[in-house]
N, C-alpha and C. Protein backbone atom coordinates (compact mmCIF):
# COMPACT_ATOMS: atom_id res chain seq x y z
N MET A 1 -4.52 -19.24 45.61
CA MET A 1 -3.98 -18.22 44.70
C MET A 1 -2.80 -17.51 45.36
N SER A 2 -1.76 -17.28 44.57
CA SER A 2 -0.61 -16.55 45.07
C SER A 2 -1.00 -15.12 45.46
N ARG A 3 -0.40 -14.63 46.51
CA ARG A 3 -0.66 -13.25 46.92
C ARG A 3 0.45 -12.37 46.35
N VAL A 4 0.06 -11.38 45.58
CA VAL A 4 1.01 -10.48 44.96
C VAL A 4 0.53 -9.05 45.17
N ARG A 5 1.46 -8.17 45.49
CA ARG A 5 1.14 -6.75 45.59
C ARG A 5 1.95 -6.00 44.54
N ILE A 6 1.25 -5.20 43.74
CA ILE A 6 1.90 -4.42 42.69
C ILE A 6 1.48 -2.97 42.89
N ASP A 7 2.42 -2.13 43.29
CA ASP A 7 2.15 -0.71 43.51
C ASP A 7 2.82 0.09 42.40
N GLY A 8 2.04 0.86 41.66
CA GLY A 8 2.58 1.63 40.56
C GLY A 8 2.66 3.11 40.87
N VAL A 9 3.74 3.74 40.40
CA VAL A 9 3.92 5.19 40.52
C VAL A 9 4.33 5.71 39.15
N ALA A 10 3.62 6.72 38.64
CA ALA A 10 3.96 7.31 37.35
C ALA A 10 5.07 8.34 37.55
N LEU A 11 6.18 8.16 36.85
CA LEU A 11 7.37 8.98 37.07
C LEU A 11 7.74 9.81 35.84
N GLY A 12 8.24 11.02 36.10
CA GLY A 12 8.89 11.82 35.09
C GLY A 12 7.97 12.40 34.04
N PRO A 13 8.56 13.09 33.06
CA PRO A 13 7.77 13.79 32.04
C PRO A 13 6.97 12.86 31.14
N PHE A 14 7.37 11.60 31.06
CA PHE A 14 6.64 10.65 30.22
C PHE A 14 5.64 9.83 31.03
N GLN A 15 5.54 10.15 32.34
CA GLN A 15 4.61 9.42 33.22
C GLN A 15 4.77 7.91 33.06
N THR A 16 6.00 7.46 33.18
CA THR A 16 6.32 6.04 33.06
C THR A 16 5.94 5.32 34.35
N ASN A 17 5.20 4.25 34.22
CA ASN A 17 4.80 3.48 35.40
C ASN A 17 5.98 2.68 35.94
N CYS A 18 6.37 2.99 37.16
CA CYS A 18 7.36 2.21 37.88
C CYS A 18 6.60 1.37 38.89
N TYR A 19 6.88 0.08 38.93
CA TYR A 19 6.14 -0.82 39.81
C TYR A 19 7.03 -1.37 40.92
N VAL A 20 6.49 -1.37 42.13
CA VAL A 20 7.12 -2.06 43.25
C VAL A 20 6.31 -3.33 43.47
N VAL A 21 6.97 -4.47 43.31
CA VAL A 21 6.30 -5.76 43.38
C VAL A 21 6.75 -6.49 44.64
N SER A 22 5.79 -7.01 45.39
CA SER A 22 6.13 -7.72 46.62
C SER A 22 5.08 -8.79 46.89
N ASP A 23 5.39 -9.66 47.84
CA ASP A 23 4.46 -10.68 48.33
C ASP A 23 4.15 -10.33 49.78
N PRO A 24 2.91 -9.91 50.09
CA PRO A 24 2.60 -9.46 51.44
C PRO A 24 2.84 -10.52 52.51
N SER A 25 2.86 -11.80 52.11
CA SER A 25 3.07 -12.86 53.09
C SER A 25 4.54 -13.17 53.33
N ASP A 26 5.42 -12.48 52.62
CA ASP A 26 6.87 -12.74 52.69
C ASP A 26 7.47 -12.07 53.92
N ALA A 27 7.93 -12.87 54.87
CA ALA A 27 8.52 -12.32 56.10
C ALA A 27 9.80 -11.56 55.83
N ALA A 28 10.48 -11.89 54.71
CA ALA A 28 11.73 -11.22 54.38
C ALA A 28 11.51 -9.82 53.81
N ARG A 29 10.27 -9.50 53.42
CA ARG A 29 9.90 -8.17 52.92
C ARG A 29 10.66 -7.80 51.64
N GLU A 30 10.97 -8.79 50.84
CA GLU A 30 11.69 -8.52 49.60
C GLU A 30 10.76 -7.92 48.56
N CYS A 31 11.34 -7.12 47.67
CA CYS A 31 10.56 -6.55 46.57
C CYS A 31 11.43 -6.36 45.36
N TRP A 32 10.77 -6.18 44.23
CA TRP A 32 11.43 -5.76 43.00
C TRP A 32 11.00 -4.34 42.68
N ILE A 33 11.87 -3.61 42.01
CA ILE A 33 11.53 -2.31 41.44
C ILE A 33 11.61 -2.47 39.93
N VAL A 34 10.48 -2.30 39.26
CA VAL A 34 10.40 -2.53 37.82
C VAL A 34 10.31 -1.20 37.09
N ASP A 35 11.25 -0.97 36.18
CA ASP A 35 11.26 0.21 35.30
C ASP A 35 11.31 1.54 36.06
N PRO A 36 12.38 1.81 36.80
CA PRO A 36 12.50 3.11 37.48
C PRO A 36 12.84 4.21 36.48
N GLY A 37 11.85 5.02 36.14
CA GLY A 37 12.04 6.10 35.19
C GLY A 37 12.61 7.34 35.84
N PHE A 38 12.52 8.45 35.14
CA PHE A 38 13.08 9.71 35.63
C PHE A 38 12.42 10.12 36.95
N GLY A 39 13.25 10.61 37.88
CA GLY A 39 12.74 11.10 39.15
C GLY A 39 12.16 10.02 40.04
N PRO A 40 12.93 8.99 40.39
CA PRO A 40 12.37 7.87 41.15
C PRO A 40 12.27 8.12 42.65
N GLY A 41 12.46 9.35 43.09
CA GLY A 41 12.40 9.65 44.52
C GLY A 41 11.15 9.11 45.21
N PRO A 42 9.94 9.31 44.65
CA PRO A 42 8.74 8.80 45.32
C PRO A 42 8.75 7.29 45.51
N VAL A 43 9.34 6.57 44.57
CA VAL A 43 9.42 5.12 44.69
C VAL A 43 10.40 4.73 45.79
N ILE A 44 11.54 5.38 45.80
CA ILE A 44 12.54 5.10 46.84
C ILE A 44 11.95 5.37 48.21
N GLU A 45 11.26 6.49 48.35
CA GLU A 45 10.65 6.85 49.64
C GLU A 45 9.58 5.83 50.04
N ALA A 46 8.78 5.37 49.08
CA ALA A 46 7.72 4.40 49.38
C ALA A 46 8.30 3.07 49.83
N VAL A 47 9.35 2.63 49.17
CA VAL A 47 9.99 1.37 49.55
C VAL A 47 10.53 1.46 50.98
N ARG A 48 11.17 2.55 51.29
CA ARG A 48 11.71 2.72 52.65
C ARG A 48 10.58 2.83 53.67
N ARG A 49 9.55 3.56 53.34
CA ARG A 49 8.42 3.75 54.26
C ARG A 49 7.74 2.42 54.58
N GLU A 50 7.63 1.56 53.57
CA GLU A 50 6.97 0.28 53.75
C GLU A 50 7.89 -0.77 54.39
N GLY A 51 9.16 -0.42 54.57
CA GLY A 51 10.09 -1.36 55.16
C GLY A 51 10.43 -2.53 54.26
N LEU A 52 10.38 -2.29 52.94
CA LEU A 52 10.68 -3.34 51.98
C LEU A 52 12.18 -3.42 51.71
N ARG A 53 12.60 -4.56 51.24
CA ARG A 53 14.02 -4.78 50.93
C ARG A 53 14.16 -5.08 49.43
N PRO A 54 14.54 -4.11 48.62
CA PRO A 54 14.65 -4.36 47.17
C PRO A 54 15.78 -5.34 46.86
N VAL A 55 15.45 -6.35 46.07
CA VAL A 55 16.45 -7.35 45.73
C VAL A 55 16.80 -7.33 44.25
N ALA A 56 16.08 -6.56 43.44
CA ALA A 56 16.42 -6.46 42.02
C ALA A 56 15.68 -5.30 41.38
N ILE A 57 16.32 -4.70 40.38
CA ILE A 57 15.68 -3.80 39.43
C ILE A 57 15.44 -4.62 38.17
N LEU A 58 14.20 -4.77 37.77
CA LEU A 58 13.87 -5.49 36.55
C LEU A 58 13.40 -4.49 35.50
N LEU A 59 13.90 -4.64 34.29
CA LEU A 59 13.58 -3.71 33.21
C LEU A 59 12.80 -4.44 32.12
N THR A 60 11.59 -3.93 31.83
CA THR A 60 10.83 -4.52 30.73
C THR A 60 11.48 -4.21 29.39
N HIS A 61 12.20 -3.10 29.32
CA HIS A 61 13.02 -2.74 28.18
C HIS A 61 13.86 -1.53 28.60
N ALA A 62 14.76 -1.11 27.73
CA ALA A 62 15.75 -0.11 28.14
C ALA A 62 15.66 1.20 27.38
N HIS A 63 14.45 1.63 27.04
CA HIS A 63 14.30 3.00 26.55
C HIS A 63 14.51 3.97 27.70
N ALA A 64 14.90 5.20 27.37
CA ALA A 64 15.34 6.16 28.37
C ALA A 64 14.32 6.39 29.47
N ASP A 65 13.03 6.45 29.10
CA ASP A 65 12.02 6.74 30.11
C ASP A 65 11.80 5.60 31.08
N HIS A 66 12.37 4.43 30.80
CA HIS A 66 12.26 3.29 31.71
C HIS A 66 13.55 3.03 32.48
N ILE A 67 14.64 3.68 32.08
CA ILE A 67 15.91 3.48 32.79
C ILE A 67 16.44 4.78 33.40
N GLY A 68 15.71 5.89 33.23
CA GLY A 68 16.21 7.19 33.67
C GLY A 68 16.52 7.27 35.15
N GLY A 69 15.90 6.43 35.97
CA GLY A 69 16.14 6.45 37.41
C GLY A 69 16.95 5.29 37.93
N VAL A 70 17.49 4.48 37.04
CA VAL A 70 18.23 3.28 37.48
C VAL A 70 19.38 3.63 38.40
N GLU A 71 20.19 4.61 38.01
CA GLU A 71 21.37 4.91 38.82
C GLU A 71 20.99 5.49 40.18
N ALA A 72 19.92 6.27 40.25
CA ALA A 72 19.47 6.80 41.53
C ALA A 72 19.01 5.67 42.45
N VAL A 73 18.34 4.68 41.89
CA VAL A 73 17.91 3.54 42.70
C VAL A 73 19.11 2.71 43.13
N ARG A 74 20.07 2.55 42.25
CA ARG A 74 21.29 1.84 42.62
C ARG A 74 22.00 2.54 43.78
N ARG A 75 22.05 3.85 43.75
CA ARG A 75 22.69 4.57 44.85
C ARG A 75 21.90 4.45 46.14
N ALA A 76 20.59 4.43 46.03
CA ALA A 76 19.74 4.35 47.23
C ALA A 76 19.80 2.99 47.89
N PHE A 77 19.98 1.94 47.08
CA PHE A 77 19.98 0.57 47.60
C PHE A 77 21.23 -0.13 47.09
N ALA A 78 22.31 0.08 47.80
CA ALA A 78 23.63 -0.39 47.36
C ALA A 78 23.61 -1.89 47.07
N GLY A 79 24.19 -2.24 45.93
CA GLY A 79 24.34 -3.65 45.58
C GLY A 79 23.16 -4.25 44.86
N ILE A 80 22.08 -3.47 44.66
CA ILE A 80 20.91 -4.02 43.99
C ILE A 80 21.24 -4.33 42.52
N PRO A 81 21.00 -5.55 42.06
CA PRO A 81 21.32 -5.90 40.68
C PRO A 81 20.23 -5.46 39.71
N VAL A 82 20.64 -5.22 38.48
CA VAL A 82 19.73 -4.85 37.39
C VAL A 82 19.69 -5.99 36.40
N ARG A 83 18.47 -6.37 35.99
CA ARG A 83 18.32 -7.45 35.01
C ARG A 83 17.52 -6.95 33.81
N LEU A 84 17.94 -7.39 32.63
CA LEU A 84 17.43 -6.88 31.36
C LEU A 84 17.59 -7.96 30.31
N HIS A 85 16.70 -7.99 29.31
CA HIS A 85 16.87 -8.95 28.22
C HIS A 85 18.19 -8.68 27.50
N PRO A 86 18.94 -9.74 27.16
CA PRO A 86 20.26 -9.53 26.55
C PRO A 86 20.24 -8.78 25.22
N ALA A 87 19.11 -8.78 24.52
CA ALA A 87 19.05 -8.06 23.24
C ALA A 87 19.22 -6.56 23.42
N GLU A 88 19.06 -6.07 24.65
CA GLU A 88 19.18 -4.63 24.89
C GLU A 88 20.31 -4.28 25.85
N GLY A 89 21.26 -5.18 25.99
CA GLY A 89 22.39 -4.89 26.87
C GLY A 89 23.10 -3.60 26.51
N ALA A 90 23.26 -3.32 25.22
CA ALA A 90 23.97 -2.12 24.78
C ALA A 90 23.17 -0.85 24.98
N PHE A 91 21.85 -0.96 25.16
CA PHE A 91 21.01 0.23 25.30
C PHE A 91 21.36 1.04 26.55
N MET A 92 21.84 0.38 27.58
CA MET A 92 22.11 1.07 28.84
C MET A 92 23.17 2.16 28.68
N THR A 93 24.11 1.94 27.80
CA THR A 93 25.23 2.86 27.66
C THR A 93 25.21 3.65 26.35
N ASP A 94 24.19 3.47 25.54
CA ASP A 94 24.13 4.10 24.23
C ASP A 94 22.88 4.97 24.12
N PRO A 95 23.03 6.31 24.17
CA PRO A 95 21.87 7.20 24.10
C PRO A 95 21.08 7.10 22.80
N GLU A 96 21.71 6.70 21.73
CA GLU A 96 20.95 6.55 20.48
C GLU A 96 20.05 5.33 20.56
N LEU A 97 20.56 4.23 21.08
CA LEU A 97 19.74 3.04 21.19
C LEU A 97 18.60 3.22 22.20
N ASN A 98 18.89 3.89 23.31
CA ASN A 98 17.82 4.07 24.31
C ASN A 98 16.93 5.29 24.03
N LEU A 99 17.19 5.95 22.90
CA LEU A 99 16.36 7.05 22.36
C LEU A 99 16.53 8.38 23.07
N SER A 100 17.37 8.46 24.09
CA SER A 100 17.50 9.72 24.81
C SER A 100 18.21 10.79 23.98
N SER A 101 19.06 10.38 23.04
CA SER A 101 19.76 11.36 22.22
C SER A 101 18.78 12.17 21.37
N PHE A 102 17.66 11.57 21.00
CA PHE A 102 16.67 12.26 20.18
C PHE A 102 15.97 13.37 20.96
N ALA A 103 15.97 13.25 22.28
CA ALA A 103 15.36 14.27 23.13
C ALA A 103 16.36 15.34 23.54
N GLY A 104 17.62 15.17 23.14
CA GLY A 104 18.64 16.15 23.45
C GLY A 104 19.19 16.07 24.86
N VAL A 105 18.82 15.04 25.60
CA VAL A 105 19.32 14.87 26.97
C VAL A 105 19.80 13.43 27.10
N PRO A 106 21.06 13.16 26.69
CA PRO A 106 21.55 11.79 26.68
C PRO A 106 21.48 11.14 28.06
N VAL A 107 20.98 9.91 28.08
CA VAL A 107 20.87 9.13 29.31
C VAL A 107 21.72 7.88 29.18
N THR A 108 22.54 7.64 30.19
CA THR A 108 23.30 6.39 30.24
C THR A 108 23.22 5.82 31.64
N ALA A 109 23.44 4.54 31.74
CA ALA A 109 23.49 3.84 33.02
C ALA A 109 24.52 2.73 32.91
N ALA A 110 25.01 2.29 34.03
CA ALA A 110 25.95 1.17 34.02
C ALA A 110 25.26 -0.06 33.43
N PRO A 111 26.03 -0.96 32.83
CA PRO A 111 25.42 -2.16 32.23
C PRO A 111 24.63 -2.97 33.25
N ALA A 112 23.67 -3.73 32.74
CA ALA A 112 22.89 -4.60 33.60
C ALA A 112 23.80 -5.67 34.22
N ASP A 113 23.39 -6.17 35.36
CA ASP A 113 24.16 -7.19 36.08
C ASP A 113 23.75 -8.60 35.71
N GLY A 114 22.57 -8.74 35.13
CA GLY A 114 22.07 -10.06 34.77
C GLY A 114 21.02 -9.93 33.69
N THR A 115 20.51 -11.05 33.24
CA THR A 115 19.59 -11.06 32.11
C THR A 115 18.20 -11.52 32.53
N LEU A 116 17.23 -11.17 31.68
CA LEU A 116 15.87 -11.70 31.74
C LEU A 116 15.64 -12.39 30.40
N ASP A 117 15.66 -13.71 30.40
CA ASP A 117 15.53 -14.47 29.17
C ASP A 117 14.16 -15.11 29.07
N ASP A 118 13.69 -15.28 27.87
CA ASP A 118 12.40 -15.93 27.64
C ASP A 118 12.38 -17.29 28.32
N GLY A 119 11.36 -17.54 29.12
CA GLY A 119 11.24 -18.82 29.81
C GLY A 119 11.81 -18.84 31.20
N ASP A 120 12.56 -17.80 31.59
CA ASP A 120 13.05 -17.74 32.96
C ASP A 120 11.87 -17.72 33.93
N VAL A 121 12.05 -18.31 35.10
CA VAL A 121 11.06 -18.24 36.17
C VAL A 121 11.72 -17.59 37.37
N LEU A 122 11.16 -16.48 37.82
CA LEU A 122 11.71 -15.70 38.93
C LEU A 122 10.85 -15.90 40.16
N SER A 123 11.48 -16.03 41.32
CA SER A 123 10.76 -16.21 42.57
C SER A 123 10.85 -14.95 43.41
N LEU A 124 9.73 -14.58 44.01
CA LEU A 124 9.68 -13.46 44.94
C LEU A 124 8.70 -13.85 46.04
N GLY A 125 9.20 -14.12 47.23
CA GLY A 125 8.35 -14.66 48.27
C GLY A 125 7.74 -15.96 47.78
N GLY A 126 6.42 -16.06 47.87
CA GLY A 126 5.74 -17.25 47.37
C GLY A 126 5.28 -17.15 45.94
N SER A 127 5.58 -16.05 45.27
CA SER A 127 5.12 -15.86 43.89
C SER A 127 6.17 -16.37 42.90
N ARG A 128 5.69 -16.79 41.74
CA ARG A 128 6.54 -17.29 40.67
C ARG A 128 6.17 -16.57 39.38
N TRP A 129 7.15 -15.92 38.79
CA TRP A 129 6.92 -15.09 37.62
C TRP A 129 7.63 -15.66 36.40
N ARG A 130 6.89 -15.80 35.31
CA ARG A 130 7.49 -16.20 34.04
C ARG A 130 7.94 -14.97 33.27
N VAL A 131 9.09 -15.08 32.63
CA VAL A 131 9.58 -14.03 31.73
C VAL A 131 9.19 -14.42 30.30
N LEU A 132 8.47 -13.53 29.63
CA LEU A 132 8.07 -13.75 28.24
C LEU A 132 8.73 -12.69 27.36
N HIS A 133 9.41 -13.12 26.33
CA HIS A 133 10.03 -12.19 25.38
C HIS A 133 8.94 -11.69 24.43
N VAL A 134 8.73 -10.38 24.42
CA VAL A 134 7.68 -9.79 23.56
C VAL A 134 8.27 -8.66 22.72
N PRO A 135 9.17 -8.97 21.80
CA PRO A 135 9.80 -7.92 20.99
C PRO A 135 8.79 -7.25 20.07
N GLY A 136 9.16 -6.08 19.61
CA GLY A 136 8.32 -5.32 18.69
C GLY A 136 8.50 -3.84 18.95
N HIS A 137 8.08 -3.38 20.11
CA HIS A 137 8.35 -2.00 20.52
C HIS A 137 9.85 -1.79 20.60
N SER A 138 10.53 -2.78 21.13
CA SER A 138 11.99 -2.80 21.19
C SER A 138 12.42 -4.25 21.11
N PRO A 139 13.67 -4.52 20.75
CA PRO A 139 14.07 -5.92 20.51
C PRO A 139 14.11 -6.79 21.76
N GLY A 140 14.29 -6.17 22.93
CA GLY A 140 14.39 -6.96 24.15
C GLY A 140 13.24 -6.76 25.10
N SER A 141 12.11 -6.29 24.62
CA SER A 141 10.96 -6.11 25.50
C SER A 141 10.55 -7.45 26.12
N VAL A 142 10.21 -7.41 27.40
CA VAL A 142 9.73 -8.61 28.08
C VAL A 142 8.46 -8.28 28.87
N ALA A 143 7.68 -9.31 29.14
CA ALA A 143 6.56 -9.24 30.07
C ALA A 143 6.85 -10.18 31.23
N LEU A 144 6.39 -9.80 32.40
CA LEU A 144 6.55 -10.61 33.61
C LEU A 144 5.17 -11.07 34.03
N VAL A 145 4.96 -12.38 34.10
CA VAL A 145 3.62 -12.93 34.32
C VAL A 145 3.60 -13.84 35.54
N GLU A 146 2.67 -13.55 36.45
CA GLU A 146 2.43 -14.42 37.61
C GLU A 146 1.09 -15.12 37.37
N ASP A 147 1.16 -16.35 36.91
CA ASP A 147 -0.05 -17.04 36.46
C ASP A 147 -1.03 -17.29 37.61
N ALA A 148 -0.55 -17.69 38.77
CA ALA A 148 -1.45 -18.02 39.87
C ALA A 148 -2.24 -16.80 40.33
N ALA A 149 -1.61 -15.64 40.30
CA ALA A 149 -2.28 -14.41 40.72
C ALA A 149 -3.00 -13.73 39.57
N GLY A 150 -2.73 -14.14 38.34
CA GLY A 150 -3.35 -13.51 37.18
C GLY A 150 -2.87 -12.10 36.95
N GLU A 151 -1.56 -11.88 37.06
CA GLU A 151 -0.99 -10.54 36.91
C GLU A 151 0.09 -10.57 35.83
N ALA A 152 0.16 -9.49 35.05
CA ALA A 152 1.19 -9.37 34.01
C ALA A 152 1.68 -7.93 33.94
N ILE A 153 2.98 -7.75 33.99
CA ILE A 153 3.63 -6.45 33.81
C ILE A 153 4.22 -6.47 32.41
N VAL A 154 3.76 -5.59 31.53
CA VAL A 154 4.02 -5.77 30.11
C VAL A 154 4.82 -4.66 29.44
N GLY A 155 5.33 -3.70 30.21
CA GLY A 155 6.11 -2.63 29.60
C GLY A 155 5.30 -1.87 28.57
N ASP A 156 5.92 -1.56 27.43
CA ASP A 156 5.25 -0.75 26.40
C ASP A 156 4.74 -1.60 25.24
N THR A 157 4.48 -2.87 25.49
CA THR A 157 3.94 -3.72 24.43
C THR A 157 2.44 -3.53 24.28
N LEU A 158 1.73 -3.45 25.40
CA LEU A 158 0.27 -3.32 25.36
C LEU A 158 -0.18 -2.28 26.37
N PHE A 159 -1.09 -1.40 25.95
CA PHE A 159 -1.68 -0.39 26.82
C PHE A 159 -3.20 -0.57 26.84
N ALA A 160 -3.85 0.11 27.77
CA ALA A 160 -5.31 0.16 27.76
C ALA A 160 -5.75 0.93 26.52
N GLY A 161 -6.32 0.23 25.57
CA GLY A 161 -6.81 0.87 24.35
C GLY A 161 -5.77 1.16 23.29
N SER A 162 -4.55 0.69 23.47
CA SER A 162 -3.51 0.99 22.49
C SER A 162 -2.40 -0.05 22.59
N ILE A 163 -1.37 0.13 21.79
CA ILE A 163 -0.17 -0.71 21.84
C ILE A 163 1.05 0.21 21.74
N GLY A 164 2.22 -0.34 22.01
CA GLY A 164 3.44 0.44 21.94
C GLY A 164 3.81 0.84 20.52
N ARG A 165 4.53 1.93 20.41
CA ARG A 165 4.98 2.41 19.10
C ARG A 165 5.94 1.40 18.46
N THR A 166 5.86 1.32 17.13
CA THR A 166 6.77 0.44 16.40
C THR A 166 7.50 1.19 15.30
N ASP A 167 7.64 2.53 15.48
CA ASP A 167 8.30 3.34 14.46
C ASP A 167 9.68 3.82 14.91
N PHE A 168 10.19 3.28 15.99
CA PHE A 168 11.54 3.64 16.42
C PHE A 168 12.57 2.84 15.62
N PRO A 169 13.85 3.30 15.61
CA PRO A 169 14.86 2.62 14.79
C PRO A 169 15.01 1.13 15.07
N THR A 170 14.83 0.71 16.33
CA THR A 170 15.01 -0.72 16.64
C THR A 170 13.68 -1.44 16.83
N SER A 171 12.57 -0.79 16.45
CA SER A 171 11.26 -1.45 16.54
C SER A 171 11.05 -2.40 15.36
N ASP A 172 10.06 -3.27 15.51
CA ASP A 172 9.76 -4.26 14.47
C ASP A 172 8.25 -4.53 14.49
N PRO A 173 7.49 -3.95 13.55
CA PRO A 173 6.04 -4.13 13.56
C PRO A 173 5.60 -5.58 13.47
N GLN A 174 6.30 -6.38 12.67
CA GLN A 174 5.90 -7.79 12.55
C GLN A 174 6.17 -8.55 13.84
N ALA A 175 7.28 -8.23 14.50
CA ALA A 175 7.55 -8.86 15.79
C ALA A 175 6.50 -8.45 16.82
N MET A 176 6.06 -7.19 16.75
CA MET A 176 5.00 -6.74 17.67
C MET A 176 3.73 -7.54 17.43
N ARG A 177 3.38 -7.74 16.19
CA ARG A 177 2.18 -8.53 15.87
C ARG A 177 2.27 -9.91 16.50
N ARG A 178 3.43 -10.56 16.35
CA ARG A 178 3.58 -11.91 16.91
C ARG A 178 3.51 -11.88 18.43
N SER A 179 4.12 -10.85 19.03
CA SER A 179 4.11 -10.76 20.49
C SER A 179 2.71 -10.58 21.04
N LEU A 180 1.92 -9.77 20.36
CA LEU A 180 0.54 -9.55 20.79
C LEU A 180 -0.32 -10.78 20.53
N GLU A 181 -0.25 -11.28 19.30
CA GLU A 181 -1.16 -12.35 18.90
C GLU A 181 -0.83 -13.68 19.57
N HIS A 182 0.45 -14.02 19.62
CA HIS A 182 0.82 -15.37 20.07
C HIS A 182 1.27 -15.43 21.53
N VAL A 183 1.58 -14.27 22.12
CA VAL A 183 2.06 -14.30 23.50
C VAL A 183 1.04 -13.66 24.45
N LEU A 184 0.85 -12.36 24.36
CA LEU A 184 -0.01 -11.70 25.34
C LEU A 184 -1.47 -12.10 25.17
N MET A 185 -1.96 -12.23 23.94
CA MET A 185 -3.35 -12.65 23.76
C MET A 185 -3.54 -14.14 24.03
N GLY A 186 -2.46 -14.83 24.31
CA GLY A 186 -2.55 -16.21 24.74
C GLY A 186 -2.78 -16.36 26.23
N LEU A 187 -2.72 -15.25 26.97
CA LEU A 187 -2.97 -15.28 28.41
C LEU A 187 -4.48 -15.29 28.66
N PRO A 188 -4.92 -15.78 29.82
CA PRO A 188 -6.35 -15.80 30.12
C PRO A 188 -6.95 -14.40 30.13
N ASP A 189 -8.21 -14.31 29.75
CA ASP A 189 -8.89 -13.02 29.67
C ASP A 189 -8.84 -12.25 30.99
N GLU A 190 -8.89 -12.96 32.11
CA GLU A 190 -8.94 -12.28 33.41
C GLU A 190 -7.59 -11.76 33.87
N THR A 191 -6.53 -12.04 33.12
CA THR A 191 -5.20 -11.56 33.51
C THR A 191 -5.18 -10.04 33.56
N ARG A 192 -4.75 -9.52 34.69
CA ARG A 192 -4.67 -8.07 34.87
C ARG A 192 -3.35 -7.58 34.27
N VAL A 193 -3.43 -6.57 33.41
CA VAL A 193 -2.29 -6.07 32.66
C VAL A 193 -1.83 -4.74 33.25
N HIS A 194 -0.55 -4.66 33.61
CA HIS A 194 0.05 -3.45 34.14
C HIS A 194 1.02 -2.91 33.09
N PRO A 195 0.63 -1.86 32.36
CA PRO A 195 1.44 -1.36 31.25
C PRO A 195 2.50 -0.35 31.69
N GLY A 196 3.35 0.01 30.73
CA GLY A 196 4.40 0.98 31.02
C GLY A 196 3.91 2.40 31.15
N HIS A 197 2.72 2.68 30.65
CA HIS A 197 2.11 4.01 30.75
C HIS A 197 0.61 3.81 30.84
N GLY A 198 -0.05 4.67 31.60
CA GLY A 198 -1.49 4.63 31.66
C GLY A 198 -2.04 3.61 32.64
N PRO A 199 -3.38 3.46 32.65
CA PRO A 199 -4.03 2.63 33.65
C PRO A 199 -3.91 1.14 33.36
N ALA A 200 -4.16 0.35 34.40
CA ALA A 200 -4.20 -1.10 34.24
C ALA A 200 -5.42 -1.50 33.44
N THR A 201 -5.37 -2.69 32.87
CA THR A 201 -6.48 -3.22 32.09
C THR A 201 -6.47 -4.74 32.24
N THR A 202 -7.20 -5.44 31.40
CA THR A 202 -7.15 -6.90 31.40
C THR A 202 -6.96 -7.39 29.97
N VAL A 203 -6.48 -8.61 29.85
CA VAL A 203 -6.32 -9.18 28.51
C VAL A 203 -7.66 -9.25 27.80
N GLY A 204 -8.72 -9.69 28.51
CA GLY A 204 -10.02 -9.81 27.88
C GLY A 204 -10.57 -8.49 27.39
N ARG A 205 -10.39 -7.45 28.19
CA ARG A 205 -10.88 -6.13 27.79
C ARG A 205 -10.18 -5.66 26.52
N GLU A 206 -8.88 -5.87 26.45
CA GLU A 206 -8.13 -5.44 25.26
C GLU A 206 -8.47 -6.31 24.06
N ARG A 207 -8.66 -7.59 24.29
CA ARG A 207 -9.04 -8.47 23.19
C ARG A 207 -10.36 -8.01 22.55
N ARG A 208 -11.30 -7.57 23.39
CA ARG A 208 -12.61 -7.18 22.90
C ARG A 208 -12.66 -5.77 22.32
N ALA A 209 -11.89 -4.83 22.90
CA ALA A 209 -12.14 -3.42 22.60
C ALA A 209 -10.94 -2.63 22.09
N ASN A 210 -9.76 -3.19 22.12
CA ASN A 210 -8.59 -2.44 21.69
C ASN A 210 -8.58 -2.34 20.16
N PRO A 211 -8.67 -1.13 19.60
CA PRO A 211 -8.76 -1.00 18.13
C PRO A 211 -7.52 -1.48 17.41
N TRP A 212 -6.37 -1.39 18.07
CA TRP A 212 -5.14 -1.85 17.44
C TRP A 212 -5.14 -3.37 17.33
N LEU A 213 -5.70 -4.05 18.31
CA LEU A 213 -5.80 -5.50 18.21
C LEU A 213 -6.84 -5.91 17.20
N ALA A 214 -7.85 -5.06 17.00
CA ALA A 214 -8.81 -5.34 15.93
C ALA A 214 -8.12 -5.36 14.58
N ASP A 215 -7.15 -4.44 14.41
CA ASP A 215 -6.38 -4.43 13.16
C ASP A 215 -5.60 -5.72 12.98
N TYR A 216 -5.25 -6.35 14.12
CA TYR A 216 -4.53 -7.62 14.06
C TYR A 216 -5.47 -8.82 14.03
N GLY A 217 -6.78 -8.56 13.96
CA GLY A 217 -7.73 -9.63 13.83
C GLY A 217 -8.11 -10.33 15.10
N TRP A 218 -7.91 -9.66 16.25
CA TRP A 218 -8.15 -10.33 17.52
C TRP A 218 -9.38 -9.83 18.26
N ALA A 219 -9.96 -8.71 17.86
CA ALA A 219 -11.13 -8.20 18.60
C ALA A 219 -12.25 -9.21 18.51
N GLY A 220 -12.86 -9.50 19.66
CA GLY A 220 -13.99 -10.41 19.71
C GLY A 220 -13.61 -11.87 19.61
N ALA A 221 -12.30 -12.18 19.58
CA ALA A 221 -11.88 -13.58 19.45
C ALA A 221 -12.13 -14.34 20.74
């Protein structure tokens, strides 16, 4: 089994989970920083304390609470690239698209440096991560899945006992249904799910007990 370490820190007023992902067996000490939200200082400090070398910022989607700390992380680790699904490239520079304008505190960041496309396979140490496009909460939402380790970072698509909102201007309830039913619920029950907010869970637990998935006909499947 692949060895993967996923350390989560809840950041900012929305308690957005920012994840530092690494392979403990990797001599190069490389890591990813996933979804740096507002106030990423604790994450930056943890990465430095652990002697890790960040090689990318990966964004599960580009709502303000998931990109609020991108520029601070870029300043802390010069040259670190940002990758995002192409459907949300414009969100980085548009406060209406990233929803920050609705909160009265517009958030912008420089455009992403690269993309996360459905079917991409990313390497980190000895781990291999699949990129899955899971639109619904937002058009470019993605999940990052390490099959050998049984780990999935899913952004705001699935939570412990809930799912992401689909009432935002760029949300799509039918796309969310497809993403849940045909993508995330297609993962093995033992897959550990790391959401954008709240505690970790498993695919099996959500399949059995998540009331929102029951509405989609998946509880007990």
